[in-house]
């Protein structure tokens, strides 16, 4: 198992505890939509003040904002980033062998944050295994 990272000492105790517990969490969205041999597709929906907890990205991916909103994200390096999102805004991220990102996302605006995230399974890193319950969730769709 890779080395565990320590959270920022400037974060709340709750954020620190969650970071320690979930730094290998593969659930990069609030809803797992589908998977085939090439991609995993996720939806992120966060109402105002809702939060998607810490998770680890190891695969190349992109996200598209489908609604306007504002978010705050705690990053593995201890920084806290706030951003405004516009419909259609897209970001592409790539990770080399052994590279990853751990972060959370909190809706700090007054509208629902909605994103679609697509992970590419043929990336430089092996996909993190999904819990069995998620595989069943998708098969039932």
N, C-alpha and C. Protein backbone atom coordinates (compact mmCIF):
# COMPACT_ATOMS: atom_id res chain seq x y z
N UNK A 1 0.85 -1.18 0.00
CA UNK A 1 0.00 0.00 0.00
C UNK A 1 0.89 1.24 0.00
N UNK A 2 0.55 2.23 -0.81
CA UNK A 2 1.33 3.48 -0.81
C UNK A 2 1.31 4.16 0.55
N UNK A 3 2.30 4.99 0.74
CA UNK A 3 2.44 5.73 1.99
C UNK A 3 1.24 6.65 2.23
N UNK A 4 0.76 6.68 3.46
CA UNK A 4 -0.34 7.57 3.83
C UNK A 4 0.19 8.99 3.96
N UNK A 5 -0.60 9.93 3.49
CA UNK A 5 -0.25 11.35 3.61
C UNK A 5 -0.89 11.93 4.84
N UNK A 6 -0.29 12.97 5.38
CA UNK A 6 -0.86 13.68 6.51
C UNK A 6 -1.59 14.92 6.01
N UNK A 7 -2.75 15.22 6.59
CA UNK A 7 -3.49 16.41 6.18
C UNK A 7 -2.85 17.67 6.74
N UNK A 8 -3.29 18.79 6.23
CA UNK A 8 -2.82 20.08 6.69
C UNK A 8 -3.24 20.30 8.15
N UNK A 9 -2.30 20.77 8.96
CA UNK A 9 -2.59 21.08 10.37
C UNK A 9 -3.50 22.30 10.49
N UNK A 10 -3.67 23.07 9.41
CA UNK A 10 -4.52 24.26 9.45
C UNK A 10 -5.99 23.93 9.21
N UNK A 11 -6.29 22.71 8.78
CA UNK A 11 -7.67 22.31 8.53
C UNK A 11 -8.37 21.96 9.84
N UNK A 12 -9.68 21.94 9.81
CA UNK A 12 -10.45 21.53 10.99
C UNK A 12 -10.13 20.06 11.32
N UNK A 13 -10.37 19.68 12.55
CA UNK A 13 -10.14 18.28 12.96
C UNK A 13 -10.99 17.34 12.12
N UNK A 14 -12.22 17.73 11.81
CA UNK A 14 -13.09 16.88 11.00
C UNK A 14 -12.50 16.67 9.60
N UNK A 15 -11.98 17.74 8.98
CA UNK A 15 -11.36 17.60 7.66
C UNK A 15 -10.10 16.73 7.74
N UNK A 16 -9.31 16.91 8.79
CA UNK A 16 -8.10 16.10 8.94
C UNK A 16 -8.46 14.62 9.09
N UNK A 17 -9.44 14.32 9.92
CA UNK A 17 -9.85 12.93 10.13
C UNK A 17 -10.38 12.31 8.84
N UNK A 18 -11.20 13.07 8.12
CA UNK A 18 -11.76 12.56 6.87
C UNK A 18 -10.66 12.34 5.83
N UNK A 19 -9.70 13.26 5.75
CA UNK A 19 -8.59 13.11 4.81
C UNK A 19 -7.85 11.79 5.08
N UNK A 20 -7.54 11.55 6.34
CA UNK A 20 -6.82 10.31 6.70
C UNK A 20 -7.62 9.08 6.31
N UNK A 21 -8.92 9.12 6.54
CA UNK A 21 -9.78 7.96 6.29
C UNK A 21 -10.03 7.72 4.80
N UNK A 22 -10.14 8.78 4.01
CA UNK A 22 -10.62 8.65 2.63
C UNK A 22 -9.59 8.97 1.55
N UNK A 23 -8.31 9.02 1.88
CA UNK A 23 -7.34 9.43 0.86
C UNK A 23 -7.16 8.41 -0.27
N UNK A 24 -7.78 7.23 -0.15
CA UNK A 24 -7.77 6.26 -1.26
C UNK A 24 -9.17 6.02 -1.79
N UNK A 25 -10.08 6.93 -1.50
CA UNK A 25 -11.46 6.83 -1.95
C UNK A 25 -11.52 7.00 -3.48
N UNK A 26 -12.05 6.00 -4.22
CA UNK A 26 -12.10 6.10 -5.68
C UNK A 26 -13.35 6.79 -6.20
N UNK A 27 -14.27 7.15 -5.31
CA UNK A 27 -15.56 7.71 -5.73
C UNK A 27 -15.40 9.20 -6.03
N UNK A 28 -15.17 9.53 -7.31
CA UNK A 28 -14.85 10.91 -7.68
C UNK A 28 -16.10 11.73 -8.03
N UNK A 29 -17.27 11.18 -7.79
CA UNK A 29 -18.52 11.90 -8.02
C UNK A 29 -19.53 11.53 -6.97
N UNK A 30 -20.70 12.17 -7.03
CA UNK A 30 -21.76 11.83 -6.10
C UNK A 30 -22.59 10.66 -6.63
N UNK A 31 -22.51 10.40 -7.94
CA UNK A 31 -23.25 9.29 -8.55
C UNK A 31 -22.42 8.68 -9.66
N UNK A 32 -22.24 7.38 -9.60
CA UNK A 32 -21.51 6.63 -10.62
C UNK A 32 -22.51 6.27 -11.71
N UNK A 33 -22.28 6.79 -12.93
CA UNK A 33 -23.26 6.60 -14.00
C UNK A 33 -23.00 5.37 -14.85
N UNK A 34 -21.73 5.17 -15.27
CA UNK A 34 -21.45 4.02 -16.14
C UNK A 34 -19.96 3.76 -16.25
N UNK A 35 -19.66 2.58 -16.75
CA UNK A 35 -18.28 2.20 -17.05
C UNK A 35 -18.30 1.22 -18.20
N UNK A 36 -17.33 1.37 -19.11
CA UNK A 36 -17.10 0.37 -20.14
C UNK A 36 -15.61 0.08 -20.14
N UNK A 37 -15.08 -0.49 -21.18
CA UNK A 37 -13.66 -0.84 -21.21
C UNK A 37 -12.75 0.37 -21.31
N UNK A 38 -13.30 1.55 -21.61
CA UNK A 38 -12.47 2.75 -21.81
C UNK A 38 -12.65 3.83 -20.75
N UNK A 39 -13.86 4.00 -20.22
CA UNK A 39 -14.13 5.14 -19.34
C UNK A 39 -15.02 4.78 -18.16
N UNK A 40 -14.92 5.63 -17.12
CA UNK A 40 -15.88 5.68 -16.02
C UNK A 40 -16.53 7.05 -16.09
N UNK A 41 -17.84 7.10 -15.96
CA UNK A 41 -18.56 8.37 -16.05
C UNK A 41 -19.27 8.62 -14.71
N UNK A 42 -19.08 9.84 -14.20
CA UNK A 42 -19.61 10.24 -12.90
C UNK A 42 -20.43 11.52 -13.03
N UNK A 43 -21.33 11.70 -12.11
CA UNK A 43 -22.05 12.96 -11.97
C UNK A 43 -21.71 13.51 -10.59
N UNK A 44 -21.55 14.83 -10.52
CA UNK A 44 -21.40 15.53 -9.24
C UNK A 44 -22.56 16.50 -9.14
N UNK A 45 -23.34 16.37 -8.07
CA UNK A 45 -24.44 17.30 -7.78
C UNK A 45 -24.34 17.68 -6.32
N UNK A 46 -24.13 18.95 -6.08
CA UNK A 46 -24.02 19.45 -4.71
C UNK A 46 -24.93 20.66 -4.54
N UNK A 47 -25.89 20.53 -3.65
CA UNK A 47 -26.74 21.67 -3.31
C UNK A 47 -25.92 22.65 -2.49
N UNK A 48 -26.38 23.89 -2.35
CA UNK A 48 -25.65 24.86 -1.53
C UNK A 48 -25.32 24.27 -0.15
N UNK A 49 -24.07 24.43 0.26
CA UNK A 49 -23.52 23.97 1.54
C UNK A 49 -23.23 22.46 1.56
N UNK A 50 -23.57 21.72 0.52
CA UNK A 50 -23.22 20.29 0.48
C UNK A 50 -21.76 20.14 0.06
N UNK A 51 -21.22 18.97 0.40
CA UNK A 51 -19.80 18.71 0.18
C UNK A 51 -19.59 17.29 -0.29
N UNK A 52 -18.71 17.12 -1.25
CA UNK A 52 -18.23 15.81 -1.68
C UNK A 52 -16.89 15.62 -1.00
N UNK A 53 -16.79 14.59 -0.17
CA UNK A 53 -15.60 14.38 0.66
C UNK A 53 -14.34 14.07 -0.13
N UNK A 54 -13.26 13.86 0.60
CA UNK A 54 -11.96 13.61 -0.02
C UNK A 54 -11.99 12.35 -0.87
N UNK A 55 -11.31 12.44 -2.01
CA UNK A 55 -11.18 11.31 -2.92
C UNK A 55 -9.88 11.46 -3.67
N UNK A 56 -9.45 10.35 -4.27
CA UNK A 56 -8.17 10.31 -4.97
C UNK A 56 -8.40 10.13 -6.46
N UNK A 57 -7.80 11.02 -7.24
CA UNK A 57 -7.77 10.88 -8.70
C UNK A 57 -6.42 10.29 -9.09
N UNK A 58 -6.44 9.19 -9.83
CA UNK A 58 -5.21 8.59 -10.35
C UNK A 58 -5.27 8.45 -11.87
N UNK A 59 -6.46 8.56 -12.43
CA UNK A 59 -6.67 8.41 -13.87
C UNK A 59 -6.75 9.77 -14.55
N UNK A 60 -6.33 9.82 -15.80
CA UNK A 60 -6.57 11.02 -16.61
C UNK A 60 -8.09 11.21 -16.68
N UNK A 61 -8.52 12.46 -16.63
CA UNK A 61 -9.96 12.70 -16.68
C UNK A 61 -10.24 14.12 -17.13
N UNK A 62 -11.52 14.35 -17.40
CA UNK A 62 -11.98 15.73 -17.60
C UNK A 62 -13.31 15.89 -16.90
N UNK A 63 -13.58 17.13 -16.54
CA UNK A 63 -14.89 17.46 -15.99
C UNK A 63 -15.48 18.61 -16.78
N UNK A 64 -16.82 18.66 -16.81
CA UNK A 64 -17.57 19.73 -17.47
C UNK A 64 -18.61 20.23 -16.47
N UNK A 65 -18.61 21.53 -16.22
CA UNK A 65 -19.65 22.13 -15.38
C UNK A 65 -20.91 22.30 -16.24
N UNK A 66 -22.03 21.85 -15.72
CA UNK A 66 -23.27 22.00 -16.48
C UNK A 66 -24.21 23.02 -15.86
N UNK A 67 -23.77 23.64 -14.77
CA UNK A 67 -24.53 24.71 -14.11
C UNK A 67 -23.54 25.68 -13.49
N UNK A 68 -23.93 26.94 -13.35
CA UNK A 68 -23.03 27.90 -12.71
C UNK A 68 -22.97 27.66 -11.21
N UNK A 69 -21.87 28.04 -10.60
CA UNK A 69 -21.78 27.91 -9.15
C UNK A 69 -20.41 28.26 -8.63
N UNK A 70 -20.27 28.11 -7.30
CA UNK A 70 -19.01 28.41 -6.63
C UNK A 70 -18.63 27.24 -5.74
N UNK A 71 -17.34 26.91 -5.72
CA UNK A 71 -16.89 25.80 -4.91
C UNK A 71 -15.61 26.10 -4.16
N UNK A 72 -15.39 25.31 -3.11
CA UNK A 72 -14.16 25.39 -2.32
C UNK A 72 -13.60 23.98 -2.24
N UNK A 73 -12.28 23.87 -2.44
CA UNK A 73 -11.64 22.56 -2.45
C UNK A 73 -10.38 22.59 -1.59
N UNK A 74 -10.29 21.64 -0.66
CA UNK A 74 -9.08 21.42 0.14
C UNK A 74 -8.20 20.47 -0.65
N UNK A 75 -6.96 20.86 -0.91
CA UNK A 75 -6.03 20.09 -1.73
C UNK A 75 -5.02 19.34 -0.85
N UNK A 76 -4.47 18.26 -1.37
CA UNK A 76 -3.53 17.43 -0.60
C UNK A 76 -2.31 18.20 -0.13
N UNK A 77 -1.95 19.29 -0.81
CA UNK A 77 -0.77 20.06 -0.40
C UNK A 77 -1.09 21.06 0.71
N UNK A 78 -2.33 21.05 1.20
CA UNK A 78 -2.73 21.93 2.29
C UNK A 78 -3.41 23.21 1.84
N UNK A 79 -3.36 23.50 0.56
CA UNK A 79 -4.01 24.72 0.07
C UNK A 79 -5.52 24.54 0.03
N UNK A 80 -6.22 25.67 0.05
CA UNK A 80 -7.66 25.70 -0.10
C UNK A 80 -7.94 26.63 -1.27
N UNK A 81 -8.64 26.09 -2.27
CA UNK A 81 -8.88 26.82 -3.51
C UNK A 81 -10.37 27.08 -3.66
N UNK A 82 -10.73 28.32 -3.98
CA UNK A 82 -12.11 28.67 -4.28
C UNK A 82 -12.21 29.03 -5.75
N UNK A 83 -13.31 28.63 -6.39
CA UNK A 83 -13.47 28.86 -7.82
C UNK A 83 -14.94 29.11 -8.15
N UNK A 84 -15.16 29.88 -9.21
CA UNK A 84 -16.49 30.06 -9.77
C UNK A 84 -16.53 29.26 -11.07
N UNK A 85 -17.65 28.60 -11.32
CA UNK A 85 -17.80 27.74 -12.49
C UNK A 85 -18.92 28.26 -13.38
N UNK A 86 -18.73 28.15 -14.68
CA UNK A 86 -19.73 28.56 -15.66
C UNK A 86 -20.16 27.34 -16.46
N UNK A 87 -21.42 27.30 -16.91
CA UNK A 87 -21.86 26.18 -17.73
C UNK A 87 -20.95 26.00 -18.94
N UNK A 88 -20.56 24.76 -19.19
CA UNK A 88 -19.68 24.46 -20.31
C UNK A 88 -18.21 24.54 -19.97
N UNK A 89 -17.86 25.12 -18.83
CA UNK A 89 -16.45 25.19 -18.42
C UNK A 89 -15.93 23.77 -18.27
N UNK A 90 -14.75 23.53 -18.83
CA UNK A 90 -14.17 22.19 -18.86
C UNK A 90 -12.72 22.24 -18.43
N UNK A 91 -12.27 21.19 -17.76
CA UNK A 91 -10.87 21.07 -17.38
C UNK A 91 -10.42 19.64 -17.65
N UNK A 92 -9.24 19.51 -18.25
CA UNK A 92 -8.64 18.20 -18.54
C UNK A 92 -7.42 18.03 -17.65
N UNK A 93 -7.32 16.88 -16.98
CA UNK A 93 -6.20 16.62 -16.07
C UNK A 93 -5.54 15.29 -16.44
N UNK A 94 -4.22 15.27 -16.35
CA UNK A 94 -3.43 14.09 -16.71
C UNK A 94 -2.47 13.78 -15.58
N UNK A 95 -2.32 12.49 -15.27
CA UNK A 95 -1.43 12.04 -14.20
C UNK A 95 -0.45 11.01 -14.75
N UNK A 96 0.84 11.24 -14.51
CA UNK A 96 1.87 10.28 -14.90
C UNK A 96 1.93 9.13 -13.92
N UNK A 97 2.78 8.16 -14.18
CA UNK A 97 2.91 7.01 -13.28
C UNK A 97 3.17 7.45 -11.84
N UNK A 98 2.34 6.97 -10.93
CA UNK A 98 2.49 7.28 -9.51
C UNK A 98 1.93 8.63 -9.10
N UNK A 99 1.50 9.45 -10.04
CA UNK A 99 0.94 10.77 -9.69
C UNK A 99 -0.54 10.64 -9.36
N UNK A 100 -1.04 11.57 -8.55
CA UNK A 100 -2.44 11.55 -8.14
C UNK A 100 -2.80 12.91 -7.56
N UNK A 101 -4.08 13.08 -7.29
CA UNK A 101 -4.56 14.27 -6.59
C UNK A 101 -5.63 13.83 -5.60
N UNK A 102 -5.53 14.37 -4.38
CA UNK A 102 -6.56 14.15 -3.36
C UNK A 102 -7.16 15.51 -3.04
N UNK A 103 -8.48 15.57 -3.06
CA UNK A 103 -9.15 16.83 -2.73
C UNK A 103 -10.61 16.57 -2.39
N UNK A 104 -11.27 17.60 -1.89
CA UNK A 104 -12.71 17.55 -1.65
C UNK A 104 -13.35 18.67 -2.46
N UNK A 105 -14.66 18.81 -2.37
CA UNK A 105 -15.35 19.91 -3.04
C UNK A 105 -16.58 20.27 -2.22
N UNK A 106 -16.69 21.55 -1.88
CA UNK A 106 -17.85 22.05 -1.15
C UNK A 106 -18.51 23.14 -1.97
N UNK A 107 -19.84 23.09 -2.04
CA UNK A 107 -20.60 24.13 -2.73
C UNK A 107 -20.73 25.32 -1.79
N UNK A 108 -20.09 26.43 -2.13
CA UNK A 108 -20.16 27.63 -1.30
C UNK A 108 -21.02 28.71 -1.95
N UNK A 109 -21.73 28.33 -3.00
CA UNK A 109 -22.62 29.27 -3.68
C UNK A 109 -24.06 29.09 -3.26
N UNK A 110 -24.94 29.75 -4.00
CA UNK A 110 -26.36 29.64 -3.69
C UNK A 110 -27.14 28.92 -4.78
N UNK A 111 -26.43 28.23 -5.70
CA UNK A 111 -27.06 27.41 -6.72
C UNK A 111 -26.44 26.01 -6.66
N UNK A 112 -27.12 25.03 -7.22
CA UNK A 112 -26.60 23.67 -7.23
C UNK A 112 -25.40 23.58 -8.17
N UNK A 113 -24.32 22.98 -7.68
CA UNK A 113 -23.16 22.69 -8.53
C UNK A 113 -23.42 21.36 -9.24
N UNK A 114 -23.23 21.34 -10.56
CA UNK A 114 -23.45 20.11 -11.32
C UNK A 114 -22.29 19.95 -12.31
N UNK A 115 -21.65 18.80 -12.25
CA UNK A 115 -20.55 18.46 -13.15
C UNK A 115 -20.74 17.06 -13.70
N UNK A 116 -20.18 16.81 -14.86
CA UNK A 116 -19.97 15.46 -15.37
C UNK A 116 -18.47 15.26 -15.41
N UNK A 117 -18.03 14.12 -14.89
CA UNK A 117 -16.60 13.77 -14.87
C UNK A 117 -16.42 12.45 -15.61
N UNK A 118 -15.45 12.43 -16.52
CA UNK A 118 -15.14 11.22 -17.28
C UNK A 118 -13.69 10.85 -17.03
N UNK A 119 -13.48 9.64 -16.48
CA UNK A 119 -12.13 9.12 -16.22
C UNK A 119 -11.76 8.14 -17.34
N UNK A 120 -10.49 8.19 -17.76
CA UNK A 120 -10.00 7.30 -18.82
C UNK A 120 -9.26 6.12 -18.19
N UNK A 121 -9.76 4.92 -18.41
CA UNK A 121 -9.19 3.73 -17.79
C UNK A 121 -7.83 3.35 -18.36
N UNK A 122 -7.48 3.84 -19.54
CA UNK A 122 -6.18 3.51 -20.15
C UNK A 122 -5.12 4.55 -19.81
N UNK A 123 -5.15 5.05 -18.60
CA UNK A 123 -4.20 6.06 -18.13
C UNK A 123 -2.90 5.41 -17.67
N UNK A 124 -1.95 6.22 -17.25
CA UNK A 124 -0.64 5.72 -16.80
C UNK A 124 -0.73 4.91 -15.51
N UNK A 125 -1.78 5.14 -14.71
CA UNK A 125 -1.97 4.43 -13.45
C UNK A 125 -3.14 3.46 -13.55
N UNK A 126 -3.06 2.41 -12.77
CA UNK A 126 -4.17 1.47 -12.70
C UNK A 126 -5.35 2.14 -12.00
N UNK A 127 -6.57 1.86 -12.45
CA UNK A 127 -7.74 2.42 -11.76
C UNK A 127 -7.82 1.92 -10.33
N UNK A 128 -8.27 2.76 -9.43
CA UNK A 128 -8.56 2.31 -8.07
C UNK A 128 -9.80 1.42 -8.14
N UNK A 129 -9.81 0.33 -7.39
CA UNK A 129 -10.99 -0.54 -7.43
C UNK A 129 -12.21 0.15 -6.83
N UNK A 130 -13.34 -0.07 -7.44
CA UNK A 130 -14.59 0.47 -6.93
C UNK A 130 -15.22 -0.54 -5.97
N UNK A 131 -15.90 -0.06 -4.94
CA UNK A 131 -16.60 -0.99 -4.05
C UNK A 131 -17.62 -1.81 -4.83
N UNK A 132 -17.83 -3.05 -4.42
CA UNK A 132 -18.77 -3.94 -5.10
C UNK A 132 -20.14 -3.33 -5.23
N UNK A 133 -20.60 -2.61 -4.22
CA UNK A 133 -21.93 -2.00 -4.25
C UNK A 133 -22.08 -1.03 -5.43
N UNK A 134 -20.98 -0.38 -5.83
CA UNK A 134 -21.05 0.55 -6.96
C UNK A 134 -21.23 -0.19 -8.26
N UNK A 135 -20.60 -1.34 -8.42
CA UNK A 135 -20.76 -2.14 -9.63
C UNK A 135 -22.22 -2.59 -9.76
N UNK A 136 -22.82 -2.98 -8.65
CA UNK A 136 -24.22 -3.38 -8.66
C UNK A 136 -25.10 -2.19 -8.98
N UNK A 137 -24.77 -1.02 -8.43
CA UNK A 137 -25.52 0.22 -8.67
C UNK A 137 -25.59 0.52 -10.16
N UNK A 138 -24.47 0.37 -10.86
CA UNK A 138 -24.43 0.69 -12.29
C UNK A 138 -25.14 -0.38 -13.10
N UNK A 139 -24.99 -1.63 -12.75
CA UNK A 139 -25.67 -2.70 -13.50
C UNK A 139 -27.18 -2.55 -13.45
N UNK A 140 -27.67 -1.98 -12.35
CA UNK A 140 -29.11 -1.80 -12.20
C UNK A 140 -29.67 -0.63 -12.97
N UNK A 141 -28.78 0.23 -13.53
CA UNK A 141 -29.24 1.43 -14.25
C UNK A 141 -29.85 1.05 -15.58
